[in-house]
Amino acid sequence: MTMLAGAVAEEAQTRAREKARSAPRQYASQARRTRSPGRNKYETAILAEFLVAAGVIAFLPLATGGPKDNPSPSPYTANDMVQLVAIAVVYLILALIPGKGSRWAAWLGLLVLLGIFYKKTATGELTAGITGIHLGSPGPTDESL
């Protein structure tokens, strides 16, 4: 009986070694078949658009110093937070559109991004953030010259 148990144990070890040797090849072939997110060029474009839009909305209040009548030391207002959440939701929905619709989603994302730039330019925030001139700051007067 011990001879039989030894043979069974040896056979089990041999199978375990063979399985361990073949595991890297087996899992590597499975990994090649698995699609990772972002492999579609339109998904990458939507991600890039989201990052630019979030960057503009998040960093312009820092560059301009925020509104002057804000009692908080933070340059952000509730409107900035609402905008960040809104663009996150919009771009998430756009990124989830599958197939040929992802091309149209990328174009729509570009339109959203252009709308954000238009709004920030029209309010003067973009110009103030780029040039370093704070909104609402008085220009040079006779006293300061």
N, C-alpha and C. Protein backbone atom coordinates (compact mmCIF):
# COMPACT_ATOMS: atom_id res chain seq x y z
N MET A 1 0.82 -1.18 0.00
CA MET A 1 0.00 0.00 0.00
C MET A 1 0.87 1.26 0.00
N THR A 2 2.00 1.23 0.70
CA THR A 2 2.88 2.38 0.73
C THR A 2 3.51 2.61 -0.65
N MET A 3 3.73 1.54 -1.35
CA MET A 3 4.28 1.65 -2.68
C MET A 3 3.28 2.35 -3.61
N LEU A 4 2.03 1.98 -3.47
CA LEU A 4 0.97 2.57 -4.26
C LEU A 4 0.78 4.05 -3.90
N ALA A 5 0.82 4.38 -2.62
CA ALA A 5 0.69 5.76 -2.17
C ALA A 5 1.86 6.60 -2.67
N GLY A 6 3.06 6.03 -2.66
CA GLY A 6 4.24 6.74 -3.16
C GLY A 6 4.13 7.01 -4.65
N ALA A 7 3.61 6.05 -5.41
CA ALA A 7 3.45 6.21 -6.86
C ALA A 7 2.40 7.28 -7.17
N VAL A 8 1.32 7.27 -6.40
CA VAL A 8 0.27 8.27 -6.59
C VAL A 8 0.79 9.66 -6.25
N ALA A 9 1.56 9.78 -5.19
CA ALA A 9 2.12 11.08 -4.79
C ALA A 9 3.11 11.57 -5.84
N GLU A 10 3.93 10.65 -6.36
CA GLU A 10 4.90 11.03 -7.39
C GLU A 10 4.19 11.48 -8.67
N GLU A 11 3.12 10.79 -9.04
CA GLU A 11 2.33 11.17 -10.22
C GLU A 11 1.69 12.54 -10.02
N ALA A 12 1.20 12.81 -8.81
CA ALA A 12 0.59 14.10 -8.51
C ALA A 12 1.63 15.22 -8.59
N GLN A 13 2.84 14.96 -8.11
CA GLN A 13 3.91 15.96 -8.19
C GLN A 13 4.29 16.23 -9.64
N THR A 14 4.35 15.18 -10.44
CA THR A 14 4.69 15.34 -11.85
C THR A 14 3.64 16.19 -12.56
N ARG A 15 2.35 15.91 -12.30
CA ARG A 15 1.29 16.72 -12.91
C ARG A 15 1.34 18.16 -12.44
N ALA A 16 1.64 18.35 -11.16
CA ALA A 16 1.72 19.72 -10.61
C ALA A 16 2.86 20.49 -11.26
N ARG A 17 4.01 19.84 -11.49
CA ARG A 17 5.14 20.50 -12.13
C ARG A 17 4.81 20.87 -13.58
N GLU A 18 4.18 19.95 -14.29
CA GLU A 18 3.80 20.23 -15.67
C GLU A 18 2.80 21.39 -15.76
N LYS A 19 1.86 21.40 -14.85
CA LYS A 19 0.87 22.47 -14.82
C LYS A 19 1.53 23.82 -14.49
N ALA A 20 2.49 23.79 -13.58
CA ALA A 20 3.20 25.01 -13.21
C ALA A 20 4.05 25.51 -14.37
N ARG A 21 4.63 24.61 -15.15
CA ARG A 21 5.44 25.02 -16.31
C ARG A 21 4.58 25.61 -17.42
N SER A 22 3.38 25.07 -17.60
CA SER A 22 2.53 25.55 -18.69
C SER A 22 1.68 26.76 -18.29
N ALA A 23 1.62 27.10 -17.02
CA ALA A 23 0.77 28.20 -16.56
C ALA A 23 1.15 29.55 -17.18
N PRO A 24 2.43 29.93 -17.24
CA PRO A 24 2.74 31.24 -17.82
C PRO A 24 2.27 31.37 -19.27
N ARG A 25 2.45 30.33 -20.06
CA ARG A 25 2.01 30.39 -21.46
C ARG A 25 0.49 30.48 -21.54
N GLN A 26 -0.19 29.70 -20.70
CA GLN A 26 -1.65 29.68 -20.72
C GLN A 26 -2.22 31.04 -20.33
N TYR A 27 -1.70 31.63 -19.26
CA TYR A 27 -2.24 32.91 -18.80
C TYR A 27 -1.81 34.05 -19.72
N ALA A 28 -0.63 33.94 -20.34
CA ALA A 28 -0.21 34.97 -21.27
C ALA A 28 -1.11 34.99 -22.50
N SER A 29 -1.49 33.82 -22.98
CA SER A 29 -2.38 33.78 -24.14
C SER A 29 -3.77 34.31 -23.76
N GLN A 30 -4.22 34.08 -22.54
CA GLN A 30 -5.50 34.63 -22.10
C GLN A 30 -5.41 36.15 -21.98
N ALA A 31 -4.28 36.65 -21.53
CA ALA A 31 -4.10 38.10 -21.37
C ALA A 31 -4.08 38.79 -22.73
N ARG A 32 -3.53 38.14 -23.76
CA ARG A 32 -3.53 38.74 -25.08
C ARG A 32 -4.92 38.85 -25.67
N ARG A 33 -5.80 37.93 -25.32
CA ARG A 33 -7.16 37.96 -25.84
C ARG A 33 -8.04 38.96 -25.11
N THR A 34 -7.68 39.34 -23.90
CA THR A 34 -8.49 40.26 -23.10
C THR A 34 -8.25 41.67 -23.60
N ARG A 35 -9.35 42.38 -23.89
CA ARG A 35 -9.25 43.77 -24.34
C ARG A 35 -9.17 44.70 -23.15
N SER A 36 -8.18 45.53 -23.14
CA SER A 36 -8.08 46.51 -22.07
C SER A 36 -8.77 47.80 -22.52
N PRO A 37 -9.26 48.60 -21.58
CA PRO A 37 -9.92 49.84 -21.96
C PRO A 37 -8.92 50.83 -22.54
N GLY A 38 -9.40 51.65 -23.44
CA GLY A 38 -8.55 52.67 -24.03
C GLY A 38 -7.81 52.23 -25.27
N ARG A 39 -8.07 51.05 -25.78
CA ARG A 39 -7.37 50.59 -26.98
C ARG A 39 -8.00 51.19 -28.23
N ASN A 40 -9.21 51.66 -28.12
CA ASN A 40 -9.87 52.32 -29.23
C ASN A 40 -9.39 53.77 -29.28
N LYS A 41 -9.04 54.25 -30.46
CA LYS A 41 -8.49 55.61 -30.55
C LYS A 41 -9.50 56.66 -30.13
N TYR A 42 -10.79 56.37 -30.28
CA TYR A 42 -11.80 57.34 -29.87
C TYR A 42 -11.93 57.39 -28.36
N GLU A 43 -11.77 56.25 -27.69
CA GLU A 43 -11.78 56.25 -26.22
C GLU A 43 -10.61 57.06 -25.69
N THR A 44 -9.48 56.96 -26.34
CA THR A 44 -8.31 57.74 -25.93
C THR A 44 -8.56 59.23 -26.15
N ALA A 45 -9.21 59.58 -27.26
CA ALA A 45 -9.52 60.99 -27.52
C ALA A 45 -10.50 61.53 -26.48
N ILE A 46 -11.49 60.74 -26.11
CA ILE A 46 -12.47 61.17 -25.10
C ILE A 46 -11.78 61.36 -23.76
N LEU A 47 -10.86 60.47 -23.42
CA LEU A 47 -10.11 60.62 -22.17
C LEU A 47 -9.27 61.89 -22.19
N ALA A 48 -8.61 62.16 -23.30
CA ALA A 48 -7.79 63.37 -23.40
C ALA A 48 -8.65 64.62 -23.29
N GLU A 49 -9.82 64.61 -23.94
CA GLU A 49 -10.73 65.75 -23.84
C GLU A 49 -11.19 65.97 -22.41
N PHE A 50 -11.49 64.87 -21.71
CA PHE A 50 -11.92 64.98 -20.32
C PHE A 50 -10.81 65.59 -19.46
N LEU A 51 -9.58 65.12 -19.65
CA LEU A 51 -8.48 65.63 -18.83
C LEU A 51 -8.23 67.12 -19.09
N VAL A 52 -8.35 67.56 -20.34
CA VAL A 52 -8.17 68.98 -20.64
C VAL A 52 -9.30 69.80 -20.02
N ALA A 53 -10.53 69.31 -20.16
CA ALA A 53 -11.68 70.05 -19.60
C ALA A 53 -11.59 70.13 -18.08
N ALA A 54 -11.26 69.02 -17.45
CA ALA A 54 -11.13 69.03 -15.98
C ALA A 54 -9.98 69.92 -15.55
N GLY A 55 -8.90 69.91 -16.29
CA GLY A 55 -7.76 70.78 -15.96
C GLY A 55 -8.11 72.24 -16.06
N VAL A 56 -8.83 72.60 -17.10
CA VAL A 56 -9.22 74.01 -17.28
C VAL A 56 -10.13 74.45 -16.14
N ILE A 57 -11.12 73.64 -15.84
CA ILE A 57 -12.08 74.03 -14.80
C ILE A 57 -11.44 74.01 -13.42
N ALA A 58 -10.52 73.08 -13.18
CA ALA A 58 -9.91 72.98 -11.85
C ALA A 58 -8.82 74.02 -11.61
N PHE A 59 -8.06 74.38 -12.64
CA PHE A 59 -6.91 75.25 -12.42
C PHE A 59 -7.15 76.72 -12.70
N LEU A 60 -8.19 77.07 -13.43
CA LEU A 60 -8.45 78.50 -13.65
C LEU A 60 -8.79 79.25 -12.37
N PRO A 61 -9.59 78.69 -11.45
CA PRO A 61 -9.80 79.42 -10.20
C PRO A 61 -8.51 79.61 -9.40
N LEU A 62 -7.60 78.66 -9.50
CA LEU A 62 -6.32 78.82 -8.81
C LEU A 62 -5.49 79.93 -9.46
N ALA A 63 -5.52 80.01 -10.78
CA ALA A 63 -4.74 81.02 -11.49
C ALA A 63 -5.31 82.42 -11.30
N THR A 64 -6.63 82.52 -11.25
CA THR A 64 -7.24 83.85 -11.13
C THR A 64 -7.44 84.27 -9.68
N GLY A 65 -7.34 83.36 -8.75
CA GLY A 65 -7.53 83.69 -7.35
C GLY A 65 -8.97 83.59 -6.89
N GLY A 66 -9.85 83.23 -7.78
CA GLY A 66 -11.25 83.07 -7.41
C GLY A 66 -11.96 84.41 -7.31
N PRO A 67 -13.25 84.38 -7.00
CA PRO A 67 -14.00 85.63 -6.88
C PRO A 67 -13.54 86.44 -5.66
N LYS A 68 -13.58 87.74 -5.81
CA LYS A 68 -13.09 88.62 -4.74
C LYS A 68 -14.05 88.70 -3.56
N ASP A 69 -15.33 88.45 -3.79
CA ASP A 69 -16.30 88.54 -2.69
C ASP A 69 -16.48 87.21 -1.96
N ASN A 70 -15.61 86.25 -2.20
CA ASN A 70 -15.70 84.94 -1.57
C ASN A 70 -15.09 85.03 -0.16
N PRO A 71 -15.89 84.76 0.91
CA PRO A 71 -15.34 84.86 2.27
C PRO A 71 -14.40 83.70 2.60
N SER A 72 -14.45 82.63 1.85
CA SER A 72 -13.62 81.46 2.10
C SER A 72 -12.22 81.67 1.53
N PRO A 73 -11.21 81.05 2.13
CA PRO A 73 -9.87 81.17 1.56
C PRO A 73 -9.70 80.34 0.28
N SER A 74 -10.65 79.46 0.02
CA SER A 74 -10.58 78.63 -1.19
C SER A 74 -10.98 79.44 -2.41
N PRO A 75 -10.27 79.29 -3.52
CA PRO A 75 -10.65 80.01 -4.73
C PRO A 75 -11.84 79.38 -5.46
N TYR A 76 -12.26 78.21 -5.01
CA TYR A 76 -13.35 77.49 -5.69
C TYR A 76 -14.70 77.93 -5.16
N THR A 77 -15.69 77.90 -6.05
CA THR A 77 -17.08 78.16 -5.67
C THR A 77 -17.87 76.87 -5.88
N ALA A 78 -19.10 76.88 -5.46
CA ALA A 78 -19.95 75.71 -5.65
C ALA A 78 -20.16 75.46 -7.15
N ASN A 79 -20.19 76.51 -7.93
CA ASN A 79 -20.37 76.37 -9.37
C ASN A 79 -19.21 75.59 -10.00
N ASP A 80 -18.00 75.81 -9.51
CA ASP A 80 -16.84 75.07 -10.04
C ASP A 80 -16.99 73.58 -9.75
N MET A 81 -17.44 73.24 -8.57
CA MET A 81 -17.60 71.83 -8.22
C MET A 81 -18.71 71.18 -9.05
N VAL A 82 -19.79 71.93 -9.27
CA VAL A 82 -20.89 71.41 -10.10
C VAL A 82 -20.40 71.18 -11.53
N GLN A 83 -19.60 72.08 -12.04
CA GLN A 83 -19.06 71.92 -13.39
C GLN A 83 -18.16 70.69 -13.48
N LEU A 84 -17.32 70.47 -12.48
CA LEU A 84 -16.44 69.30 -12.49
C LEU A 84 -17.23 68.00 -12.48
N VAL A 85 -18.26 67.94 -11.66
CA VAL A 85 -19.09 66.74 -11.60
C VAL A 85 -19.84 66.55 -12.92
N ALA A 86 -20.34 67.64 -13.48
CA ALA A 86 -21.09 67.55 -14.73
C ALA A 86 -20.22 67.04 -15.87
N ILE A 87 -19.00 67.57 -16.01
CA ILE A 87 -18.17 67.09 -17.11
C ILE A 87 -17.71 65.66 -16.86
N ALA A 88 -17.53 65.27 -15.60
CA ALA A 88 -17.17 63.87 -15.32
C ALA A 88 -18.30 62.94 -15.77
N VAL A 89 -19.53 63.31 -15.49
CA VAL A 89 -20.67 62.47 -15.89
C VAL A 89 -20.81 62.45 -17.40
N VAL A 90 -20.69 63.61 -18.05
CA VAL A 90 -20.84 63.68 -19.50
C VAL A 90 -19.78 62.83 -20.20
N TYR A 91 -18.53 62.98 -19.80
CA TYR A 91 -17.47 62.23 -20.47
C TYR A 91 -17.51 60.75 -20.11
N LEU A 92 -18.01 60.39 -18.95
CA LEU A 92 -18.19 58.98 -18.62
C LEU A 92 -19.22 58.36 -19.55
N ILE A 93 -20.32 59.06 -19.75
CA ILE A 93 -21.36 58.56 -20.66
C ILE A 93 -20.82 58.46 -22.09
N LEU A 94 -20.06 59.45 -22.51
CA LEU A 94 -19.48 59.42 -23.85
C LEU A 94 -18.49 58.26 -24.01
N ALA A 95 -17.72 57.98 -22.97
CA ALA A 95 -16.74 56.89 -23.04
C ALA A 95 -17.41 55.52 -23.07
N LEU A 96 -18.63 55.42 -22.58
CA LEU A 96 -19.32 54.14 -22.56
C LEU A 96 -20.05 53.82 -23.86
N ILE A 97 -20.10 54.75 -24.79
CA ILE A 97 -20.78 54.50 -26.07
C ILE A 97 -19.91 53.55 -26.90
N PRO A 98 -20.47 52.39 -27.30
CA PRO A 98 -19.66 51.38 -27.98
C PRO A 98 -19.67 51.53 -29.51
N GLY A 99 -18.76 50.81 -30.14
CA GLY A 99 -18.75 50.65 -31.59
C GLY A 99 -18.53 51.93 -32.36
N LYS A 100 -19.27 52.04 -33.47
CA LYS A 100 -19.12 53.19 -34.34
C LYS A 100 -19.64 54.47 -33.71
N GLY A 101 -20.46 54.33 -32.70
CA GLY A 101 -20.96 55.50 -31.99
C GLY A 101 -19.88 56.22 -31.22
N SER A 102 -18.76 55.53 -30.95
CA SER A 102 -17.67 56.16 -30.18
C SER A 102 -17.03 57.30 -30.98
N ARG A 103 -17.08 57.20 -32.31
CA ARG A 103 -16.54 58.29 -33.13
C ARG A 103 -17.38 59.55 -32.92
N TRP A 104 -18.70 59.40 -32.96
CA TRP A 104 -19.59 60.54 -32.73
C TRP A 104 -19.47 61.05 -31.30
N ALA A 105 -19.24 60.14 -30.37
CA ALA A 105 -19.06 60.55 -28.97
C ALA A 105 -17.80 61.40 -28.81
N ALA A 106 -16.75 61.04 -29.53
CA ALA A 106 -15.51 61.83 -29.47
C ALA A 106 -15.73 63.23 -30.03
N TRP A 107 -16.49 63.32 -31.13
CA TRP A 107 -16.79 64.64 -31.69
C TRP A 107 -17.66 65.46 -30.74
N LEU A 108 -18.62 64.81 -30.12
CA LEU A 108 -19.47 65.52 -29.16
C LEU A 108 -18.64 65.99 -27.96
N GLY A 109 -17.70 65.16 -27.53
CA GLY A 109 -16.81 65.56 -26.44
C GLY A 109 -15.97 66.77 -26.82
N LEU A 110 -15.54 66.84 -28.08
CA LEU A 110 -14.80 68.00 -28.54
C LEU A 110 -15.68 69.25 -28.52
N LEU A 111 -16.94 69.10 -28.90
CA LEU A 111 -17.86 70.24 -28.84
C LEU A 111 -18.07 70.71 -27.40
N VAL A 112 -18.18 69.78 -26.47
CA VAL A 112 -18.31 70.14 -25.05
C VAL A 112 -17.07 70.90 -24.59
N LEU A 113 -15.90 70.41 -25.00
CA LEU A 113 -14.65 71.08 -24.63
C LEU A 113 -14.58 72.48 -25.22
N LEU A 114 -14.98 72.64 -26.47
CA LEU A 114 -15.00 73.97 -27.09
C LEU A 114 -15.99 74.89 -26.38
N GLY A 115 -17.11 74.33 -25.93
CA GLY A 115 -18.08 75.13 -25.17
C GLY A 115 -17.50 75.61 -23.86
N ILE A 116 -16.74 74.75 -23.21
CA ILE A 116 -16.10 75.15 -21.94
C ILE A 116 -15.10 76.28 -22.20
N PHE A 117 -14.29 76.14 -23.25
CA PHE A 117 -13.33 77.19 -23.58
C PHE A 117 -14.04 78.49 -23.95
N TYR A 118 -15.16 78.40 -24.68
CA TYR A 118 -15.91 79.60 -25.04
C TYR A 118 -16.44 80.31 -23.80
N LYS A 119 -17.01 79.53 -22.87
CA LYS A 119 -17.57 80.14 -21.66
C LYS A 119 -16.48 80.80 -20.83
N LYS A 120 -15.34 80.11 -20.68
CA LYS A 120 -14.25 80.67 -19.88
C LYS A 120 -13.64 81.89 -20.55
N THR A 121 -13.63 81.91 -21.89
CA THR A 121 -13.12 83.08 -22.60
C THR A 121 -14.10 84.25 -22.51
N ALA A 122 -15.39 83.95 -22.65
CA ALA A 122 -16.40 85.01 -22.61
C ALA A 122 -16.47 85.68 -21.24
N THR A 123 -16.26 84.92 -20.18
CA THR A 123 -16.29 85.51 -18.84
C THR A 123 -14.97 86.18 -18.46
N GLY A 124 -13.94 85.98 -19.27
CA GLY A 124 -12.63 86.58 -19.00
C GLY A 124 -11.75 85.75 -18.10
N GLU A 125 -12.22 84.61 -17.64
CA GLU A 125 -11.41 83.77 -16.76
C GLU A 125 -10.19 83.21 -17.47
N LEU A 126 -10.36 82.77 -18.72
CA LEU A 126 -9.25 82.17 -19.46
C LEU A 126 -8.16 83.20 -19.71
N THR A 127 -8.55 84.38 -20.12
CA THR A 127 -7.56 85.44 -20.36
C THR A 127 -6.87 85.82 -19.06
N ALA A 128 -7.63 85.91 -17.99
CA ALA A 128 -7.04 86.26 -16.70
C ALA A 128 -6.10 85.16 -16.21
N GLY A 129 -6.47 83.92 -16.42
CA GLY A 129 -5.62 82.82 -15.99
C GLY A 129 -4.33 82.74 -16.78
N ILE A 130 -4.40 83.05 -18.08
CA ILE A 130 -3.20 82.96 -18.92
C ILE A 130 -2.28 84.15 -18.69
N THR A 131 -2.85 85.36 -18.61
CA THR A 131 -2.01 86.56 -18.49
C THR A 131 -1.62 86.87 -17.06
N GLY A 132 -2.32 86.30 -16.10
CA GLY A 132 -1.99 86.57 -14.70
C GLY A 132 -2.67 87.81 -14.16
N ILE A 133 -3.53 88.43 -14.95
CA ILE A 133 -4.28 89.60 -14.50
C ILE A 133 -5.51 89.08 -13.79
N HIS A 134 -5.68 89.44 -12.54
CA HIS A 134 -6.80 88.94 -11.75
C HIS A 134 -8.08 89.69 -12.10
N LEU A 135 -9.18 88.97 -12.10
CA LEU A 135 -10.46 89.58 -12.38
C LEU A 135 -10.82 90.58 -11.29
N GLY A 136 -11.33 91.70 -11.68
CA GLY A 136 -11.79 92.68 -10.71
C GLY A 136 -10.68 93.50 -10.09
N SER A 137 -9.45 93.29 -10.53
CA SER A 137 -8.37 94.09 -9.95
C SER A 137 -8.35 95.45 -10.65
N PRO A 138 -8.20 96.50 -9.89
CA PRO A 138 -8.21 97.83 -10.51
C PRO A 138 -6.96 98.02 -11.37
N GLY A 139 -7.13 98.80 -12.42
CA GLY A 139 -5.98 99.11 -13.29
C GLY A 139 -5.09 100.14 -12.61
N PRO A 140 -4.05 100.54 -13.29
CA PRO A 140 -3.14 101.54 -12.71
C PRO A 140 -3.84 102.89 -12.54
N THR A 141 -3.61 103.51 -11.43
CA THR A 141 -4.18 104.83 -11.18
C THR A 141 -3.06 105.83 -11.03
N ASP A 142 -3.43 107.09 -10.86
CA ASP A 142 -2.41 108.12 -10.69
C ASP A 142 -1.63 107.91 -9.42
N GLU A 143 -2.30 107.35 -8.40
CA GLU A 143 -1.63 107.15 -7.12
C GLU A 143 -0.61 106.03 -7.17
N SER A 144 -0.87 105.01 -8.03
CA SER A 144 0.05 103.89 -8.06
C SER A 144 1.21 104.11 -9.02
N LEU A 145 1.12 105.13 -9.87
CA LEU A 145 2.21 105.41 -10.81
C LEU A 145 3.23 106.23 -10.19
